[in-house]
PDB file of N, CA and C in Angstrom:
ATOM      1  N   MET A   1      -5.906  18.571  12.232  1.00  0.00           N
ATOM      2  CA  MET A   1      -5.366  17.238  12.293  1.00  0.00           C
ATOM      3  C   MET A   1      -4.353  17.060  11.168  1.00  0.00           C
ATOM      4  N   SER A   2      -3.238  16.397  11.470  1.00  0.00           N
ATOM      5  CA  SER A   2      -2.197  16.141  10.483  1.00  0.00           C
ATOM      6  C   SER A   2      -2.629  15.068   9.495  1.00  0.00           C
ATOM      7  N   LYS A   3      -2.170  15.210   8.276  1.00  0.00           N
ATOM      8  CA  LYS A   3      -2.460  14.239   7.224  1.00  0.00           C
ATOM      9  C   LYS A   3      -1.651  12.965   7.480  1.00  0.00           C
ATOM     10  N   ILE A   4      -2.282  11.820   7.276  1.00  0.00           N
ATOM     11  CA  ILE A   4      -1.611  10.529   7.437  1.00  0.00           C
ATOM     12  C   ILE A   4      -1.421   9.923   6.048  1.00  0.00           C
ATOM     13  N   LEU A   5      -0.199   9.471   5.772  1.00  0.00           N
ATOM     14  CA  LEU A   5       0.139   8.857   4.500  1.00  0.00           C
ATOM     15  C   LEU A   5       0.757   7.492   4.762  1.00  0.00           C
ATOM     16  N   ILE A   6       0.273   6.484   4.034  1.00  0.00           N
ATOM     17  CA  ILE A   6       0.800   5.129   4.163  1.00  0.00           C
ATOM     18  C   ILE A   6       1.247   4.633   2.795  1.00  0.00           C
ATOM     19  N   TYR A   7       2.517   4.241   2.713  1.00  0.00           N
ATOM     20  CA  TYR A   7       2.996   3.501   1.553  1.00  0.00           C
ATOM     21  C   TYR A   7       2.739   2.032   1.841  1.00  0.00           C
ATOM     22  N   SER A   8       2.121   1.315   0.888  1.00  0.00           N
ATOM     23  CA  SER A   8       1.732  -0.074   1.123  1.00  0.00           C
ATOM     24  C   SER A   8       1.914  -0.905  -0.142  1.00  0.00           C
ATOM     25  N   THR A   9       1.686  -2.219   0.003  1.00  0.00           N
ATOM     26  CA  THR A   9       1.621  -3.139  -1.133  1.00  0.00           C
ATOM     27  C   THR A   9       0.354  -3.974  -0.983  1.00  0.00           C
ATOM     28  N   ASN A  10       0.045  -4.739  -2.031  1.00  0.00           N
ATOM     29  CA  ASN A  10      -1.183  -5.536  -2.032  1.00  0.00           C
ATOM     30  C   ASN A  10      -1.186  -6.666  -1.013  1.00  0.00           C
ATOM     31  N   LEU A  11      -0.069  -7.338  -0.824  1.00  0.00           N
ATOM     32  CA  LEU A  11      -0.044  -8.557  -0.008  1.00  0.00           C
ATOM     33  C   LEU A  11       0.733  -8.385   1.290  1.00  0.00           C
ATOM     34  N   CYS A  12       0.606  -7.263   1.915  1.00  0.00           N
ATOM     35  CA  CYS A  12       1.380  -6.953   3.118  1.00  0.00           C
ATOM     36  C   CYS A  12       0.486  -7.008   4.355  1.00  0.00           C
ATOM     37  N   PRO A  13       0.675  -8.019   5.220  1.00  0.00           N
ATOM     38  CA  PRO A  13      -0.158  -8.092   6.418  1.00  0.00           C
ATOM     39  C   PRO A  13       0.071  -6.924   7.385  1.00  0.00           C
ATOM     40  N   TYR A  14       1.290  -6.404   7.435  1.00  0.00           N
ATOM     41  CA  TYR A  14       1.554  -5.276   8.326  1.00  0.00           C
ATOM     42  C   TYR A  14       0.876  -3.999   7.822  1.00  0.00           C
ATOM     43  N   CYS A  15       0.763  -3.878   6.507  1.00  0.00           N
ATOM     44  CA  CYS A  15       0.019  -2.745   5.928  1.00  0.00           C
ATOM     45  C   CYS A  15      -1.446  -2.824   6.342  1.00  0.00           C
ATOM     46  N   THR A  16      -2.006  -4.017   6.234  1.00  0.00           N
ATOM     47  CA  THR A  16      -3.402  -4.235   6.619  1.00  0.00           C
ATOM     48  C   THR A  16      -3.606  -3.920   8.091  1.00  0.00           C
ATOM     49  N   MET A  17      -2.691  -4.375   8.947  1.00  0.00           N
ATOM     50  CA  MET A  17      -2.821  -4.114  10.389  1.00  0.00           C
ATOM     51  C   MET A  17      -2.714  -2.622  10.691  1.00  0.00           C
ATOM     52  N   ALA A  18      -1.811  -1.914  10.002  1.00  0.00           N
ATOM     53  CA  ALA A  18      -1.669  -0.468  10.221  1.00  0.00           C
ATOM     54  C   ALA A  18      -2.946   0.263   9.828  1.00  0.00           C
ATOM     55  N   LYS A  19      -3.503  -0.092   8.674  1.00  0.00           N
ATOM     56  CA  LYS A  19      -4.736   0.571   8.223  1.00  0.00           C
ATOM     57  C   LYS A  19      -5.895   0.263   9.172  1.00  0.00           C
ATOM     58  N   LYS A  20      -5.982  -0.971   9.655  1.00  0.00           N
ATOM     59  CA  LYS A  20      -7.056  -1.321  10.596  1.00  0.00           C
ATOM     60  C   LYS A  20      -6.900  -0.580  11.913  1.00  0.00           C
ATOM     61  N   LEU A  21      -5.676  -0.412  12.388  1.00  0.00           N
ATOM     62  CA  LEU A  21      -5.456   0.349  13.625  1.00  0.00           C
ATOM     63  C   LEU A  21      -5.960   1.782  13.453  1.00  0.00           C
ATOM     64  N   LEU A  22      -5.606   2.401  12.341  1.00  0.00           N
ATOM     65  CA  LEU A  22      -6.051   3.775  12.099  1.00  0.00           C
ATOM     66  C   LEU A  22      -7.567   3.853  11.950  1.00  0.00           C
ATOM     67  N   GLU A  23      -8.148   2.897  11.241  1.00  0.00           N
ATOM     68  CA  GLU A  23      -9.602   2.884  11.056  1.00  0.00           C
ATOM     69  C   GLU A  23     -10.331   2.680  12.382  1.00  0.00           C
ATOM     70  N   ARG A  24      -9.812   1.810  13.248  1.00  0.00           N
ATOM     71  CA  ARG A  24     -10.422   1.616  14.580  1.00  0.00           C
ATOM     72  C   ARG A  24     -10.410   2.905  15.383  1.00  0.00           C
ATOM     73  N   ARG A  25      -9.394   3.718  15.169  1.00  0.00           N
ATOM     74  CA  ARG A  25      -9.290   4.996  15.864  1.00  0.00           C
ATOM     75  C   ARG A  25     -10.100   6.086  15.172  1.00  0.00           C
ATOM     76  N   GLY A  26     -10.743   5.751  14.043  1.00  0.00           N
ATOM     77  CA  GLY A  26     -11.546   6.726  13.316  1.00  0.00           C
ATOM     78  C   GLY A  26     -10.723   7.713  12.510  1.00  0.00           C
ATOM     79  N   LEU A  27      -9.501   7.325  12.162  1.00  0.00           N
ATOM     80  CA  LEU A  27      -8.602   8.218  11.444  1.00  0.00           C
ATOM     81  C   LEU A  27      -8.596   7.892   9.958  1.00  0.00           C
ATOM     82  N   SER A  28      -8.623   8.918   9.142  1.00  0.00           N
ATOM     83  CA  SER A  28      -8.530   8.710   7.699  1.00  0.00           C
ATOM     84  C   SER A  28      -7.072   8.859   7.283  1.00  0.00           C
ATOM     85  N   TYR A  29      -6.754   8.276   6.132  1.00  0.00           N
ATOM     86  CA  TYR A  29      -5.376   8.299   5.651  1.00  0.00           C
ATOM     87  C   TYR A  29      -5.386   8.245   4.130  1.00  0.00           C
ATOM     88  N   ASP A  30      -4.293   8.708   3.562  1.00  0.00           N
ATOM     89  CA  ASP A  30      -4.059   8.562   2.132  1.00  0.00           C
ATOM     90  C   ASP A  30      -3.113   7.387   1.970  1.00  0.00           C
ATOM     91  N   GLU A  31      -3.345   6.598   0.932  1.00  0.00           N
ATOM     92  CA  GLU A  31      -2.538   5.405   0.712  1.00  0.00           C
ATOM     93  C   GLU A  31      -1.890   5.467  -0.666  1.00  0.00           C
ATOM     94  N   ILE A  32      -0.611   5.150  -0.701  1.00  0.00           N
ATOM     95  CA  ILE A  32       0.097   4.984  -1.968  1.00  0.00           C
ATOM     96  C   ILE A  32       0.495   3.522  -2.057  1.00  0.00           C
ATOM     97  N   ASN A  33      -0.175   2.803  -2.948  1.00  0.00           N
ATOM     98  CA  ASN A  33       0.128   1.392  -3.154  1.00  0.00           C
ATOM     99  C   ASN A  33       1.284   1.323  -4.147  1.00  0.00           C
ATOM    100  N   ILE A  34       2.458   0.922  -3.674  1.00  0.00           N
ATOM    101  CA  ILE A  34       3.642   0.943  -4.533  1.00  0.00           C
ATOM    102  C   ILE A  34       3.626  -0.161  -5.584  1.00  0.00           C
ATOM    103  N   ASP A  35       2.667  -1.097  -5.501  1.00  0.00           N
ATOM    104  CA  ASP A  35       2.491  -2.108  -6.539  1.00  0.00           C
ATOM    105  C   ASP A  35       1.750  -1.557  -7.755  1.00  0.00           C
ATOM    106  N   SER A  36       1.096  -0.411  -7.589  1.00  0.00           N
ATOM    107  CA  SER A  36       0.184   0.079  -8.625  1.00  0.00           C
ATOM    108  C   SER A  36       0.871   0.759  -9.800  1.00  0.00           C
ATOM    109  N   LYS A  37       2.128   1.183  -9.622  1.00  0.00           N
ATOM    110  CA  LYS A  37       2.792   1.926 -10.691  1.00  0.00           C
ATOM    111  C   LYS A  37       4.301   1.772 -10.562  1.00  0.00           C
ATOM    112  N   SER A  38       4.939   1.543 -11.673  1.00  0.00           N
ATOM    113  CA  SER A  38       6.397   1.419 -11.701  1.00  0.00           C
ATOM    114  C   SER A  38       7.040   2.701 -11.161  1.00  0.00           C
ATOM    115  N   GLY A  39       8.069   2.524 -10.348  1.00  0.00           N
ATOM    116  CA  GLY A  39       8.806   3.666  -9.816  1.00  0.00           C
ATOM    117  C   GLY A  39       8.359   4.136  -8.449  1.00  0.00           C
ATOM    118  N   LEU A  40       7.191   3.681  -7.974  1.00  0.00           N
ATOM    119  CA  LEU A  40       6.713   4.149  -6.662  1.00  0.00           C
ATOM    120  C   LEU A  40       7.558   3.605  -5.513  1.00  0.00           C
ATOM    121  N   ARG A  41       8.050   2.365  -5.637  1.00  0.00           N
ATOM    122  CA  ARG A  41       8.913   1.828  -4.576  1.00  0.00           C
ATOM    123  C   ARG A  41      10.195   2.669  -4.479  1.00  0.00           C
ATOM    124  N   GLU A  42      10.767   3.014  -5.611  1.00  0.00           N
ATOM    125  CA  GLU A  42      11.971   3.832  -5.612  1.00  0.00           C
ATOM    126  C   GLU A  42      11.699   5.209  -5.001  1.00  0.00           C
ATOM    127  N   GLU A  43      10.539   5.782  -5.331  1.00  0.00           N
ATOM    128  CA  GLU A  43      10.142   7.070  -4.746  1.00  0.00           C
ATOM    129  C   GLU A  43      10.049   6.955  -3.224  1.00  0.00           C
ATOM    130  N   MET A  44       9.409   5.871  -2.758  1.00  0.00           N
ATOM    131  CA  MET A  44       9.277   5.648  -1.318  1.00  0.00           C
ATOM    132  C   MET A  44      10.657   5.493  -0.672  1.00  0.00           C
ATOM    133  N   MET A  45      11.534   4.724  -1.312  1.00  0.00           N
ATOM    134  CA  MET A  45      12.859   4.479  -0.749  1.00  0.00           C
ATOM    135  C   MET A  45      13.685   5.762  -0.660  1.00  0.00           C
ATOM    136  N   LEU A  46      13.565   6.626  -1.647  1.00  0.00           N
ATOM    137  CA  LEU A  46      14.266   7.914  -1.592  1.00  0.00           C
ATOM    138  C   LEU A  46      13.758   8.771  -0.444  1.00  0.00           C
ATOM    139  N   LYS A  47      12.455   8.749  -0.241  1.00  0.00           N
ATOM    140  CA  LYS A  47      11.844   9.582   0.799  1.00  0.00           C
ATOM    141  C   LYS A  47      12.104   9.040   2.202  1.00  0.00           C
ATOM    142  N   THR A  48      11.997   7.709   2.364  1.00  0.00           N
ATOM    143  CA  THR A  48      12.046   7.125   3.702  1.00  0.00           C
ATOM    144  C   THR A  48      13.391   6.505   4.064  1.00  0.00           C
ATOM    145  N   LYS A  49      14.225   6.234   3.066  1.00  0.00           N
ATOM    146  CA  LYS A  49      15.495   5.529   3.258  1.00  0.00           C
ATOM    147  C   LYS A  49      15.276   4.089   3.713  1.00  0.00           C
ATOM    148  N   ARG A  50      14.081   3.564   3.454  1.00  0.00           N
ATOM    149  CA  ARG A  50      13.730   2.178   3.786  1.00  0.00           C
ATOM    150  C   ARG A  50      13.054   1.534   2.585  1.00  0.00           C
ATOM    151  N   ARG A  51      13.133   0.187   2.525  1.00  0.00           N
ATOM    152  CA  ARG A  51      12.499  -0.486   1.392  1.00  0.00           C
ATOM    153  C   ARG A  51      11.307  -1.344   1.792  1.00  0.00           C
ATOM    154  N   THR A  52      11.039  -1.456   3.078  1.00  0.00           N
ATOM    155  CA  THR A  52       9.919  -2.276   3.537  1.00  0.00           C
ATOM    156  C   THR A  52       8.651  -1.446   3.676  1.00  0.00           C
ATOM    157  N   VAL A  53       7.526  -2.126   3.627  1.00  0.00           N
ATOM    158  CA  VAL A  53       6.228  -1.478   3.831  1.00  0.00           C
ATOM    159  C   VAL A  53       5.563  -2.106   5.042  1.00  0.00           C
ATOM    160  N   PRO A  54       4.671  -1.397   5.689  1.00  0.00           N
ATOM    161  CA  PRO A  54       4.259  -0.037   5.370  1.00  0.00           C
ATOM    162  C   PRO A  54       5.306   0.982   5.811  1.00  0.00           C
ATOM    163  N   GLN A  55       5.262   2.130   5.191  1.00  0.00           N
ATOM    164  CA  GLN A  55       5.984   3.309   5.656  1.00  0.00           C
ATOM    165  C   GLN A  55       4.919   4.369   5.883  1.00  0.00           C
ATOM    166  N   ILE A  56       4.903   4.905   7.087  1.00  0.00           N
ATOM    167  CA  ILE A  56       3.803   5.767   7.522  1.00  0.00           C
ATOM    168  C   ILE A  56       4.336   7.143   7.903  1.00  0.00           C
ATOM    169  N   TYR A  57       3.644   8.153   7.419  1.00  0.00           N
ATOM    170  CA  TYR A  57       3.929   9.536   7.779  1.00  0.00           C
ATOM    171  C   TYR A  57       2.693  10.125   8.439  1.00  0.00           C
ATOM    172  N   ILE A  58       2.920  10.897   9.467  1.00  0.00           N
ATOM    173  CA  ILE A  58       1.877  11.732  10.056  1.00  0.00           C
ATOM    174  C   ILE A  58       2.389  13.157   9.926  1.00  0.00           C
ATOM    175  N   GLY A  59       1.752  13.894   9.042  1.00  0.00           N
ATOM    176  CA  GLY A  59       2.288  15.200   8.684  1.00  0.00           C
ATOM    177  C   GLY A  59       3.654  14.997   8.062  1.00  0.00           C
ATOM    178  N   ASP A  60       4.648  15.731   8.530  1.00  0.00           N
ATOM    179  CA  ASP A  60       6.018  15.583   8.030  1.00  0.00           C
ATOM    180  C   ASP A  60       6.821  14.571   8.833  1.00  0.00           C
ATOM    181  N   TYR A  61       6.220  14.020   9.887  1.00  0.00           N
ATOM    182  CA  TYR A  61       6.934  13.085  10.760  1.00  0.00           C
ATOM    183  C   TYR A  61       6.879  11.662  10.196  1.00  0.00           C
ATOM    184  N   HIS A  62       8.048  11.068   9.989  1.00  0.00           N
ATOM    185  CA  HIS A  62       8.129   9.693   9.505  1.00  0.00           C
ATOM    186  C   HIS A  62       8.026   8.754  10.704  1.00  0.00           C
ATOM    187  N   VAL A  63       6.863   8.128  10.843  1.00  0.00           N
ATOM    188  CA  VAL A  63       6.614   7.195  11.947  1.00  0.00           C
ATOM    189  C   VAL A  63       7.464   5.951  11.775  1.00  0.00           C
ATOM    190  N   GLY A  64       7.531   5.432  10.560  1.00  0.00           N
ATOM    191  CA  GLY A  64       8.182   4.157  10.276  1.00  0.00           C
ATOM    192  C   GLY A  64       7.128   3.168   9.834  1.00  0.00           C
ATOM    193  N   GLY A  65       7.239   1.940  10.341  1.00  0.00           N
ATOM    194  CA  GLY A  65       6.318   0.887   9.958  1.00  0.00           C
ATOM    195  C   GLY A  65       5.228   0.631  10.990  1.00  0.00           C
ATOM    196  N   PHE A  66       4.589  -0.534  10.861  1.00  0.00           N
ATOM    197  CA  PHE A  66       3.486  -0.872  11.756  1.00  0.00           C
ATOM    198  C   PHE A  66       3.936  -0.940  13.210  1.00  0.00           C
ATOM    199  N   ASN A  67       5.091  -1.554  13.482  1.00  0.00           N
ATOM    200  CA  ASN A  67       5.541  -1.697  14.868  1.00  0.00           C
ATOM    201  C   ASN A  67       5.687  -0.351  15.558  1.00  0.00           C
ATOM    202  N   GLU A  68       6.213   0.622  14.848  1.00  0.00           N
ATOM    203  CA  GLU A  68       6.367   1.959  15.430  1.00  0.00           C
ATOM    204  C   GLU A  68       5.011   2.632  15.632  1.00  0.00           C
ATOM    205  N   LEU A  69       4.101   2.454  14.674  1.00  0.00           N
ATOM    206  CA  LEU A  69       2.750   3.003  14.813  1.00  0.00           C
ATOM    207  C   LEU A  69       2.041   2.372  16.009  1.00  0.00           C
ATOM    208  N   TYR A  70       2.145   1.073  16.130  1.00  0.00           N
ATOM    209  CA  TYR A  70       1.514   0.348  17.233  1.00  0.00           C
ATOM    210  C   TYR A  70       2.079   0.815  18.573  1.00  0.00           C
ATOM    211  N   ALA A  71       3.403   0.988  18.645  1.00  0.00           N
ATOM    212  CA  ALA A  71       4.030   1.456  19.886  1.00  0.00           C
ATOM    213  C   ALA A  71       3.535   2.850  20.257  1.00  0.00           C
ATOM    214  N   LEU A  72       3.418   3.736  19.270  1.00  0.00           N
ATOM    215  CA  LEU A  72       2.880   5.071  19.550  1.00  0.00           C
ATOM    216  C   LEU A  72       1.469   4.988  20.110  1.00  0.00           C
ATOM    217  N   ASP A  73       0.661   4.122  19.529  1.00  0.00           N
ATOM    218  CA  ASP A  73      -0.713   3.958  19.982  1.00  0.00           C
ATOM    219  C   ASP A  73      -0.756   3.393  21.401  1.00  0.00           C
ATOM    220  N   GLN A  74       0.033   2.368  21.662  1.00  0.00           N
ATOM    221  CA  GLN A  74       0.039   1.729  22.981  1.00  0.00           C
ATOM    222  C   GLN A  74       0.553   2.663  24.071  1.00  0.00           C
ATOM    223  N   ASN A  75       1.503   3.526  23.718  1.00  0.00           N
ATOM    224  CA  ASN A  75       2.079   4.465  24.690  1.00  0.00           C
ATOM    225  C   ASN A  75       1.329   5.789  24.745  1.00  0.00           C
ATOM    226  N   GLU A  76       0.158   5.815  24.077  1.00  0.00           N
ATOM    227  CA  GLU A  76      -0.707   6.992  24.065  1.00  0.00           C
ATOM    228  C   GLU A  76      -0.001   8.249  23.567  1.00  0.00           C
ATOM    229  N   LYS A  77       0.862   8.071  22.568  1.00  0.00           N
ATOM    230  CA  LYS A  77       1.574   9.201  21.973  1.00  0.00           C
ATOM    231  C   LYS A  77       1.104   9.495  20.551  1.00  0.00           C
ATOM    232  N   LEU A  78       0.251   8.649  20.022  1.00  0.00           N
ATOM    233  CA  LEU A  78      -0.246   8.856  18.669  1.00  0.00           C
ATOM    234  C   LEU A  78      -1.052  10.144  18.560  1.00  0.00           C
ATOM    235  N   ASP A  79      -1.897  10.408  19.541  1.00  0.00           N
ATOM    236  CA  ASP A  79      -2.716  11.617  19.522  1.00  0.00           C
ATOM    237  C   ASP A  79      -1.870  12.895  19.480  1.00  0.00           C
ATOM    238  N   GLU A  80      -0.698  12.852  20.103  1.00  0.00           N
ATOM    239  CA  GLU A  80       0.175  14.031  20.117  1.00  0.00           C
ATOM    240  C   GLU A  80       0.624  14.402  18.699  1.00  0.00           C
ATOM    241  N   LEU A  81       0.791  13.392  17.842  1.00  0.00           N
ATOM    242  CA  LEU A  81       1.227  13.641  16.467  1.00  0.00           C
ATOM    243  C   LEU A  81       0.100  14.128  15.574  1.00  0.00           C
ATOM    244  N   LEU A  82      -1.125  13.810  15.971  1.00  0.00           N
ATOM    245  CA  LEU A  82      -2.265  14.183  15.152  1.00  0.00           C
ATOM    246  C   LEU A  82      -2.639  15.621  15.404  1.00  0.00           C
TER     247      LEU A  82
END
């Protein structure tokens, strides 16, 4: 199974929804809370070319945010990435 990584913040409802979707599916993930340390947002922006959260990776594939994760799940394509 591919590793799942989520960049998140403390007060982000879309981050919460993404994590709950993964948890409902029984999937574990690593989380980088960009509020926890100076420079993490910049690191995320360099990697993803985006400044909004969540930013989700499955393996080396950049899913994007919650809407893209939700669409993959609804279209039954999430399992293909795992």
